[in-house]
Amino acid sequence: MELKFNRKRNLEERLEFVRLYARWVKSVSNEIWSKQQAEFINSLMQNTKNFKLSPEDYLRMKESVRRIKISLQ
Protein backbone atom coordinates (compact mmCIF):
# COMPACT_ATOMS: atom_id res chain seq x y z
CA MET A 1 0.00 0.00 0.00
CA GLU A 2 1.49 3.30 -1.08
CA LEU A 3 0.83 6.42 0.93
CA LYS A 4 0.69 9.59 -1.10
CA PHE A 5 1.51 12.97 0.34
CA ASN A 6 -0.95 15.61 -0.77
CA ARG A 7 1.01 18.87 -0.61
CA LYS A 8 -1.94 21.11 -1.31
CA ARG A 9 -4.09 19.50 1.40
CA ASN A 10 -1.19 19.61 3.85
CA LEU A 11 -0.66 23.32 3.16
CA GLU A 12 -4.37 24.03 3.60
CA GLU A 13 -4.43 22.15 6.92
CA ARG A 14 -1.39 24.04 8.18
CA LEU A 15 -2.86 27.40 7.19
CA GLU A 16 -6.15 26.53 8.86
CA PHE A 17 -4.27 25.61 12.05
CA VAL A 18 -2.38 28.92 11.97
CA ARG A 19 -5.64 30.83 11.50
CA LEU A 20 -7.29 28.91 14.33
CA TYR A 21 -4.34 29.51 16.64
CA ALA A 22 -4.21 33.21 15.73
CA ARG A 23 -7.92 33.56 16.59
CA TRP A 24 -7.28 31.83 19.93
CA VAL A 25 -4.31 34.08 20.75
CA LYS A 26 -6.41 37.16 20.00
CA SER A 27 -9.27 35.90 22.18
CA VAL A 28 -7.36 35.18 25.41
CA SER A 29 -5.43 37.43 27.74
CA ASN A 30 -1.69 37.89 27.29
CA GLU A 31 -1.13 36.26 30.67
CA ILE A 32 -2.75 32.99 29.59
CA TRP A 33 -1.16 33.01 26.13
CA SER A 34 2.34 33.83 27.33
CA LYS A 35 2.20 31.24 30.13
CA GLN A 36 1.33 28.49 27.65
CA GLN A 37 4.05 29.64 25.26
CA ALA A 38 6.61 29.61 28.08
CA GLU A 39 5.59 26.07 29.08
CA PHE A 40 5.86 24.91 25.47
CA ILE A 41 9.27 26.51 24.89
CA ASN A 42 10.59 25.21 28.20
CA SER A 43 9.49 21.68 27.30
CA LEU A 44 11.29 21.95 23.95
CA MET A 45 14.44 23.14 25.68
CA GLN A 46 14.20 20.34 28.24
CA ASN A 47 13.77 17.78 25.48
CA THR A 48 17.00 18.85 23.75
CA LYS A 49 18.80 16.87 26.44
CA ASN A 50 17.30 13.71 24.89
CA PHE A 51 18.48 14.60 21.39
CA LYS A 52 21.42 12.36 20.47
CA LEU A 53 22.96 14.58 17.79
CA SER A 54 25.32 17.37 18.69
CA PRO A 55 24.64 20.73 17.06
CA GLU A 56 27.70 20.19 14.85
CA ASP A 57 26.48 16.73 13.73
CA TYR A 58 23.05 18.15 12.95
CA LEU A 59 24.51 20.96 10.83
CA ARG A 60 26.75 18.48 8.99
CA MET A 61 23.73 16.29 8.27
CA LYS A 62 21.71 19.25 6.97
CA GLU A 63 24.59 20.31 4.72
CA SER A 64 24.81 16.78 3.28
CA VAL A 65 21.08 16.80 2.48
CA ARG A 66 21.42 20.23 0.86
CA ARG A 67 24.27 19.00 -1.37
CA ILE A 68 22.28 15.95 -2.42
CA LYS A 69 19.29 18.11 -3.35
CA ILE A 70 21.51 20.43 -5.39
CA SER A 71 23.12 17.51 -7.23
CA LEU A 72 19.70 16.08 -8.13
CA GLN A 73 18.54 19.30 -9.80
PDB file of N, CA and C in Angstrom:
ATOM      1  N   MET A   1       0.843  -1.181   0.000  1.00  0.00           N
ATOM      2  CA  MET A   1       0.000   0.000   0.000  1.00  0.00           C
ATOM      3  C   MET A   1       0.886   1.242   0.000  1.00  0.00           C
ATOM      4  N   GLU A   2       0.695   2.098  -0.969  1.00  0.00           N
ATOM      5  CA  GLU A   2       1.492   3.304  -1.085  1.00  0.00           C
ATOM      6  C   GLU A   2       0.736   4.486  -0.499  1.00  0.00           C
ATOM      7  N   LEU A   3       1.418   5.219   0.360  1.00  0.00           N
ATOM      8  CA  LEU A   3       0.833   6.423   0.935  1.00  0.00           C
ATOM      9  C   LEU A   3       1.276   7.606   0.101  1.00  0.00           C
ATOM     10  N   LYS A   4       0.343   8.411  -0.302  1.00  0.00           N
ATOM     11  CA  LYS A   4       0.686   9.586  -1.096  1.00  0.00           C
ATOM     12  C   LYS A   4       0.550  10.827  -0.235  1.00  0.00           C
ATOM     13  N   PHE A   5       1.485  11.720  -0.413  1.00  0.00           N
ATOM     14  CA  PHE A   5       1.507  12.967   0.337  1.00  0.00           C
ATOM     15  C   PHE A   5       0.852  14.045  -0.513  1.00  0.00           C
ATOM     16  N   ASN A   6      -0.229  14.585  -0.034  1.00  0.00           N
ATOM     17  CA  ASN A   6      -0.954  15.614  -0.766  1.00  0.00           C
ATOM     18  C   ASN A   6      -0.480  16.982  -0.260  1.00  0.00           C
ATOM     19  N   ARG A   7       0.416  17.593  -1.029  1.00  0.00           N
ATOM     20  CA  ARG A   7       1.015  18.871  -0.611  1.00  0.00           C
ATOM     21  C   ARG A   7      -0.017  19.975  -0.440  1.00  0.00           C
ATOM     22  N   LYS A   8      -0.938  20.046  -1.381  1.00  0.00           N
ATOM     23  CA  LYS A   8      -1.941  21.113  -1.307  1.00  0.00           C
ATOM     24  C   LYS A   8      -2.809  20.960  -0.055  1.00  0.00           C
ATOM     25  N   ARG A   9      -3.263  19.741   0.212  1.00  0.00           N
ATOM     26  CA  ARG A   9      -4.088  19.505   1.402  1.00  0.00           C
ATOM     27  C   ARG A   9      -3.298  19.781   2.678  1.00  0.00           C
ATOM     28  N   ASN A  10      -2.032  19.370   2.689  1.00  0.00           N
ATOM     29  CA  ASN A  10      -1.187  19.611   3.848  1.00  0.00           C
ATOM     30  C   ASN A  10      -1.038  21.107   4.098  1.00  0.00           C
ATOM     31  N   LEU A  11      -0.792  21.869   3.024  1.00  0.00           N
ATOM     32  CA  LEU A  11      -0.657  23.319   3.156  1.00  0.00           C
ATOM     33  C   LEU A  11      -1.945  23.930   3.682  1.00  0.00           C
ATOM     34  N   GLU A  12      -3.086  23.495   3.146  1.00  0.00           N
ATOM     35  CA  GLU A  12      -4.373  24.028   3.604  1.00  0.00           C
ATOM     36  C   GLU A  12      -4.608  23.728   5.076  1.00  0.00           C
ATOM     37  N   GLU A  13      -4.255  22.512   5.507  1.00  0.00           N
ATOM     38  CA  GLU A  13      -4.429  22.147   6.917  1.00  0.00           C
ATOM     39  C   GLU A  13      -3.527  22.992   7.814  1.00  0.00           C
ATOM     40  N   ARG A  14      -2.303  23.221   7.387  1.00  0.00           N
ATOM     41  CA  ARG A  14      -1.386  24.041   8.175  1.00  0.00           C
ATOM     42  C   ARG A  14      -1.889  25.476   8.289  1.00  0.00           C
ATOM     43  N   LEU A  15      -2.336  26.026   7.158  1.00  0.00           N
ATOM     44  CA  LEU A  15      -2.856  27.397   7.186  1.00  0.00           C
ATOM     45  C   LEU A  15      -4.085  27.504   8.067  1.00  0.00           C
ATOM     46  N   GLU A  16      -4.963  26.521   8.010  1.00  0.00           N
ATOM     47  CA  GLU A  16      -6.154  26.534   8.862  1.00  0.00           C
ATOM     48  C   GLU A  16      -5.762  26.478  10.336  1.00  0.00           C
ATOM     49  N   PHE A  17      -4.740  25.670  10.661  1.00  0.00           N
ATOM     50  CA  PHE A  17      -4.272  25.610  12.051  1.00  0.00           C
ATOM     51  C   PHE A  17      -3.730  26.968  12.490  1.00  0.00           C
ATOM     52  N   VAL A  18      -2.941  27.612  11.626  1.00  0.00           N
ATOM     53  CA  VAL A  18      -2.379  28.920  11.967  1.00  0.00           C
ATOM     54  C   VAL A  18      -3.498  29.926  12.192  1.00  0.00           C
ATOM     55  N   ARG A  19      -4.503  29.909  11.333  1.00  0.00           N
ATOM     56  CA  ARG A  19      -5.637  30.831  11.500  1.00  0.00           C
ATOM     57  C   ARG A  19      -6.380  30.566  12.812  1.00  0.00           C
ATOM     58  N   LEU A  20      -6.616  29.289  13.091  1.00  0.00           N
ATOM     59  CA  LEU A  20      -7.295  28.910  14.332  1.00  0.00           C
ATOM     60  C   LEU A  20      -6.493  29.369  15.542  1.00  0.00           C
ATOM     61  N   TYR A  21      -5.197  29.128  15.518  1.00  0.00           N
ATOM     62  CA  TYR A  21      -4.341  29.506  16.641  1.00  0.00           C
ATOM     63  C   TYR A  21      -4.295  31.031  16.788  1.00  0.00           C
ATOM     64  N   ALA A  22      -4.225  31.744  15.667  1.00  0.00           N
ATOM     65  CA  ALA A  22      -4.208  33.213  15.726  1.00  0.00           C
ATOM     66  C   ALA A  22      -5.497  33.740  16.349  1.00  0.00           C
ATOM     67  N   ARG A  23      -6.640  33.133  15.980  1.00  0.00           N
ATOM     68  CA  ARG A  23      -7.919  33.556  16.585  1.00  0.00           C
ATOM     69  C   ARG A  23      -7.901  33.303  18.087  1.00  0.00           C
ATOM     70  N   TRP A  24      -7.334  32.159  18.498  1.00  0.00           N
ATOM     71  CA  TRP A  24      -7.283  31.835  19.927  1.00  0.00           C
ATOM     72  C   TRP A  24      -6.402  32.838  20.658  1.00  0.00           C
ATOM     73  N   VAL A  25      -5.229  33.135  20.098  1.00  0.00           N
ATOM     74  CA  VAL A  25      -4.311  34.078  20.747  1.00  0.00           C
ATOM     75  C   VAL A  25      -4.978  35.433  20.924  1.00  0.00           C
ATOM     76  N   LYS A  26      -5.729  35.865  19.920  1.00  0.00           N
ATOM     77  CA  LYS A  26      -6.408  37.160  20.000  1.00  0.00           C
ATOM     78  C   LYS A  26      -7.544  37.158  21.019  1.00  0.00           C
ATOM     79  N   SER A  27      -8.084  35.968  21.315  1.00  0.00           N
ATOM     80  CA  SER A  27      -9.268  35.899  22.176  1.00  0.00           C
ATOM     81  C   SER A  27      -8.950  35.707  23.659  1.00  0.00           C
ATOM     82  N   VAL A  28      -7.702  35.391  23.999  1.00  0.00           N
ATOM     83  CA  VAL A  28      -7.357  35.176  25.408  1.00  0.00           C
ATOM     84  C   VAL A  28      -6.415  36.273  25.882  1.00  0.00           C
ATOM     85  N   SER A  29      -6.299  36.383  27.174  1.00  0.00           N
ATOM     86  CA  SER A  29      -5.425  37.426  27.739  1.00  0.00           C
ATOM     87  C   SER A  29      -3.957  37.073  27.482  1.00  0.00           C
ATOM     88  N   ASN A  30      -3.126  38.101  27.491  1.00  0.00           N
ATOM     89  CA  ASN A  30      -1.686  37.889  27.288  1.00  0.00           C
ATOM     90  C   ASN A  30      -1.103  36.979  28.366  1.00  0.00           C
ATOM     91  N   GLU A  31      -1.632  37.078  29.566  1.00  0.00           N
ATOM     92  CA  GLU A  31      -1.126  36.258  30.671  1.00  0.00           C
ATOM     93  C   GLU A  31      -1.304  34.771  30.374  1.00  0.00           C
ATOM     94  N   ILE A  32      -2.478  34.391  29.913  1.00  0.00           N
ATOM     95  CA  ILE A  32      -2.745  32.988  29.590  1.00  0.00           C
ATOM     96  C   ILE A  32      -1.902  32.544  28.402  1.00  0.00           C
ATOM     97  N   TRP A  33      -1.897  33.354  27.343  1.00  0.00           N
ATOM     98  CA  TRP A  33      -1.165  33.008  26.133  1.00  0.00           C
ATOM     99  C   TRP A  33       0.329  32.867  26.404  1.00  0.00           C
ATOM    100  N   SER A  34       0.896  33.850  27.100  1.00  0.00           N
ATOM    101  CA  SER A  34       2.340  33.833  27.328  1.00  0.00           C
ATOM    102  C   SER A  34       2.746  32.696  28.270  1.00  0.00           C
ATOM    103  N   LYS A  35       1.880  32.355  29.233  1.00  0.00           N
ATOM    104  CA  LYS A  35       2.200  31.242  30.133  1.00  0.00           C
ATOM    105  C   LYS A  35       2.266  29.929  29.347  1.00  0.00           C
ATOM    106  N   GLN A  36       1.314  29.715  28.448  1.00  0.00           N
ATOM    107  CA  GLN A  36       1.330  28.488  27.652  1.00  0.00           C
ATOM    108  C   GLN A  36       2.531  28.449  26.720  1.00  0.00           C
ATOM    109  N   GLN A  37       2.881  29.593  26.134  1.00  0.00           N
ATOM    110  CA  GLN A  37       4.054  29.640  25.260  1.00  0.00           C
ATOM    111  C   GLN A  37       5.321  29.319  26.039  1.00  0.00           C
ATOM    112  N   ALA A  38       5.432  29.863  27.241  1.00  0.00           N
ATOM    113  CA  ALA A  38       6.608  29.605  28.077  1.00  0.00           C
ATOM    114  C   ALA A  38       6.716  28.131  28.422  1.00  0.00           C
ATOM    115  N   GLU A  39       5.583  27.507  28.762  1.00  0.00           N
ATOM    116  CA  GLU A  39       5.593  26.072  29.078  1.00  0.00           C
ATOM    117  C   GLU A  39       6.024  25.250  27.866  1.00  0.00           C
ATOM    118  N   PHE A  40       5.520  25.614  26.698  1.00  0.00           N
ATOM    119  CA  PHE A  40       5.863  24.905  25.472  1.00  0.00           C
ATOM    120  C   PHE A  40       7.353  25.045  25.147  1.00  0.00           C
ATOM    121  N   ILE A  41       7.857  26.271  25.198  1.00  0.00           N
ATOM    122  CA  ILE A  41       9.270  26.513  24.894  1.00  0.00           C
ATOM    123  C   ILE A  41      10.168  25.825  25.914  1.00  0.00           C
ATOM    124  N   ASN A  42       9.796  25.884  27.175  1.00  0.00           N
ATOM    125  CA  ASN A  42      10.586  25.208  28.204  1.00  0.00           C
ATOM    126  C   ASN A  42      10.623  23.698  27.982  1.00  0.00           C
ATOM    127  N   SER A  43       9.505  23.121  27.554  1.00  0.00           N
ATOM    128  CA  SER A  43       9.492  21.676  27.300  1.00  0.00           C
ATOM    129  C   SER A  43      10.367  21.332  26.105  1.00  0.00           C
ATOM    130  N   LEU A  44      10.390  22.189  25.087  1.00  0.00           N
ATOM    131  CA  LEU A  44      11.294  21.955  23.952  1.00  0.00           C
ATOM    132  C   LEU A  44      12.746  22.021  24.398  1.00  0.00           C
ATOM    133  N   MET A  45      13.068  23.001  25.203  1.00  0.00           N
ATOM    134  CA  MET A  45      14.445  23.137  25.683  1.00  0.00           C
ATOM    135  C   MET A  45      14.839  21.948  26.565  1.00  0.00           C
ATOM    136  N   GLN A  46      13.930  21.492  27.387  1.00  0.00           N
ATOM    137  CA  GLN A  46      14.201  20.338  28.244  1.00  0.00           C
ATOM    138  C   GLN A  46      14.434  19.085  27.399  1.00  0.00           C
ATOM    139  N   ASN A  47      13.674  18.959  26.322  1.00  0.00           N
ATOM    140  CA  ASN A  47      13.771  17.778  25.476  1.00  0.00           C
ATOM    141  C   ASN A  47      15.071  17.738  24.680  1.00  0.00           C
ATOM    142  N   THR A  48      15.736  18.869  24.500  1.00  0.00           N
ATOM    143  CA  THR A  48      16.998  18.851  23.753  1.00  0.00           C
ATOM    144  C   THR A  48      18.028  17.970  24.438  1.00  0.00           C
ATOM    145  N   LYS A  49      17.877  17.742  25.715  1.00  0.00           N
ATOM    146  CA  LYS A  49      18.804  16.867  26.438  1.00  0.00           C
ATOM    147  C   LYS A  49      18.676  15.424  25.959  1.00  0.00           C
ATOM    148  N   ASN A  50      17.528  15.068  25.388  1.00  0.00           N
ATOM    149  CA  ASN A  50      17.304  13.713  24.886  1.00  0.00           C
ATOM    150  C   ASN A  50      17.728  13.552  23.431  1.00  0.00           C
ATOM    151  N   PHE A  51      18.129  14.635  22.794  1.00  0.00           N
ATOM    152  CA  PHE A  51      18.482  14.599  21.385  1.00  0.00           C
ATOM    153  C   PHE A  51      19.912  14.109  21.261  1.00  0.00           C
ATOM    154  N   LYS A  52      20.118  13.023  20.518  1.00  0.00           N
ATOM    155  CA  LYS A  52      21.418  12.359  20.468  1.00  0.00           C
ATOM    156  C   LYS A  52      22.451  13.075  19.597  1.00  0.00           C
ATOM    157  N   LEU A  53      22.013  13.896  18.661  1.00  0.00           N
ATOM    158  CA  LEU A  53      22.962  14.581  17.788  1.00  0.00           C
ATOM    159  C   LEU A  53      23.485  15.853  18.442  1.00  0.00           C
ATOM    160  N   SER A  54      24.770  16.088  18.245  1.00  0.00           N
ATOM    161  CA  SER A  54      25.319  17.365  18.690  1.00  0.00           C
ATOM    162  C   SER A  54      24.903  18.426  17.672  1.00  0.00           C
ATOM    163  N   PRO A  55      24.970  19.685  18.044  1.00  0.00           N
ATOM    164  CA  PRO A  55      24.639  20.731  17.064  1.00  0.00           C
ATOM    165  C   PRO A  55      25.519  20.640  15.813  1.00  0.00           C
ATOM    166  N   GLU A  56      26.782  20.302  15.990  1.00  0.00           N
ATOM    167  CA  GLU A  56      27.696  20.186  14.849  1.00  0.00           C
ATOM    168  C   GLU A  56      27.294  19.038  13.938  1.00  0.00           C
ATOM    169  N   ASP A  57      26.925  17.886  14.529  1.00  0.00           N
ATOM    170  CA  ASP A  57      26.475  16.733  13.733  1.00  0.00           C
ATOM    171  C   ASP A  57      25.213  17.064  12.958  1.00  0.00           C
ATOM    172  N   TYR A  58      24.298  17.771  13.602  1.00  0.00           N
ATOM    173  CA  TYR A  58      23.053  18.149  12.947  1.00  0.00           C
ATOM    174  C   TYR A  58      23.329  19.047  11.739  1.00  0.00           C
ATOM    175  N   LEU A  59      24.190  20.053  11.932  1.00  0.00           N
ATOM    176  CA  LEU A  59      24.508  20.960  10.825  1.00  0.00           C
ATOM    177  C   LEU A  59      25.210  20.229   9.682  1.00  0.00           C
ATOM    178  N   ARG A  60      26.084  19.287  10.018  1.00  0.00           N
ATOM    179  CA  ARG A  60      26.749  18.481   8.994  1.00  0.00           C
ATOM    180  C   ARG A  60      25.732  17.660   8.206  1.00  0.00           C
ATOM    181  N   MET A  61      24.768  17.081   8.913  1.00  0.00           N
ATOM    182  CA  MET A  61      23.726  16.290   8.270  1.00  0.00           C
ATOM    183  C   MET A  61      22.882  17.169   7.339  1.00  0.00           C
ATOM    184  N   LYS A  62      22.501  18.345   7.795  1.00  0.00           N
ATOM    185  CA  LYS A  62      21.707  19.250   6.969  1.00  0.00           C
ATOM    186  C   LYS A  62      22.482  19.676   5.722  1.00  0.00           C
ATOM    187  N   GLU A  63      23.767  19.919   5.862  1.00  0.00           N
ATOM    188  CA  GLU A  63      24.594  20.311   4.716  1.00  0.00           C
ATOM    189  C   GLU A  63      24.672  19.167   3.705  1.00  0.00           C
ATOM    190  N   SER A  64      24.774  17.944   4.179  1.00  0.00           N
ATOM    191  CA  SER A  64      24.809  16.784   3.280  1.00  0.00           C
ATOM    192  C   SER A  64      23.511  16.677   2.486  1.00  0.00           C
ATOM    193  N   VAL A  65      22.384  16.860   3.150  1.00  0.00           N
ATOM    194  CA  VAL A  65      21.085  16.803   2.478  1.00  0.00           C
ATOM    195  C   VAL A  65      20.984  17.916   1.444  1.00  0.00           C
ATOM    196  N   ARG A  66      21.451  19.100   1.789  1.00  0.00           N
ATOM    197  CA  ARG A  66      21.423  20.230   0.860  1.00  0.00           C
ATOM    198  C   ARG A  66      22.243  19.921  -0.395  1.00  0.00           C
ATOM    199  N   ARG A  67      23.423  19.338  -0.219  1.00  0.00           N
ATOM    200  CA  ARG A  67      24.269  18.999  -1.369  1.00  0.00           C
ATOM    201  C   ARG A  67      23.608  17.951  -2.264  1.00  0.00           C
ATOM    202  N   ILE A  68      22.963  16.981  -1.635  1.00  0.00           N
ATOM    203  CA  ILE A  68      22.280  15.946  -2.424  1.00  0.00           C
ATOM    204  C   ILE A  68      21.157  16.574  -3.241  1.00  0.00           C
ATOM    205  N   LYS A  69      20.384  17.454  -2.629  1.00  0.00           N
ATOM    206  CA  LYS A  69      19.288  18.110  -3.346  1.00  0.00           C
ATOM    207  C   LYS A  69      19.815  18.917  -4.528  1.00  0.00           C
ATOM    208  N   ILE A  70      20.919  19.621  -4.322  1.00  0.00           N
ATOM    209  CA  ILE A  70      21.507  20.426  -5.392  1.00  0.00           C
ATOM    210  C   ILE A  70      21.988  19.517  -6.522  1.00  0.00           C
ATOM    211  N   SER A  71      22.602  18.406  -6.191  1.00  0.00           N
ATOM    212  CA  SER A  71      23.118  17.508  -7.232  1.00  0.00           C
ATOM    213  C   SER A  71      22.000  16.833  -8.014  1.00  0.00           C
ATOM    214  N   LEU A  72      20.817  16.715  -7.441  1.00  0.00           N
ATOM    215  CA  LEU A  72      19.703  16.083  -8.126  1.00  0.00           C
ATOM    216  C   LEU A  72      18.961  17.036  -9.055  1.00  0.00           C
ATOM    217  N   GLN A  73      19.250  18.303  -8.960  1.00  0.00           N
ATOM    218  CA  GLN A  73      18.542  19.296  -9.796  1.00  0.00           C
ATOM    219  C   GLN A  73      19.022  19.280 -11.220  1.00  0.00           C
TER     220      GLN A  73
END
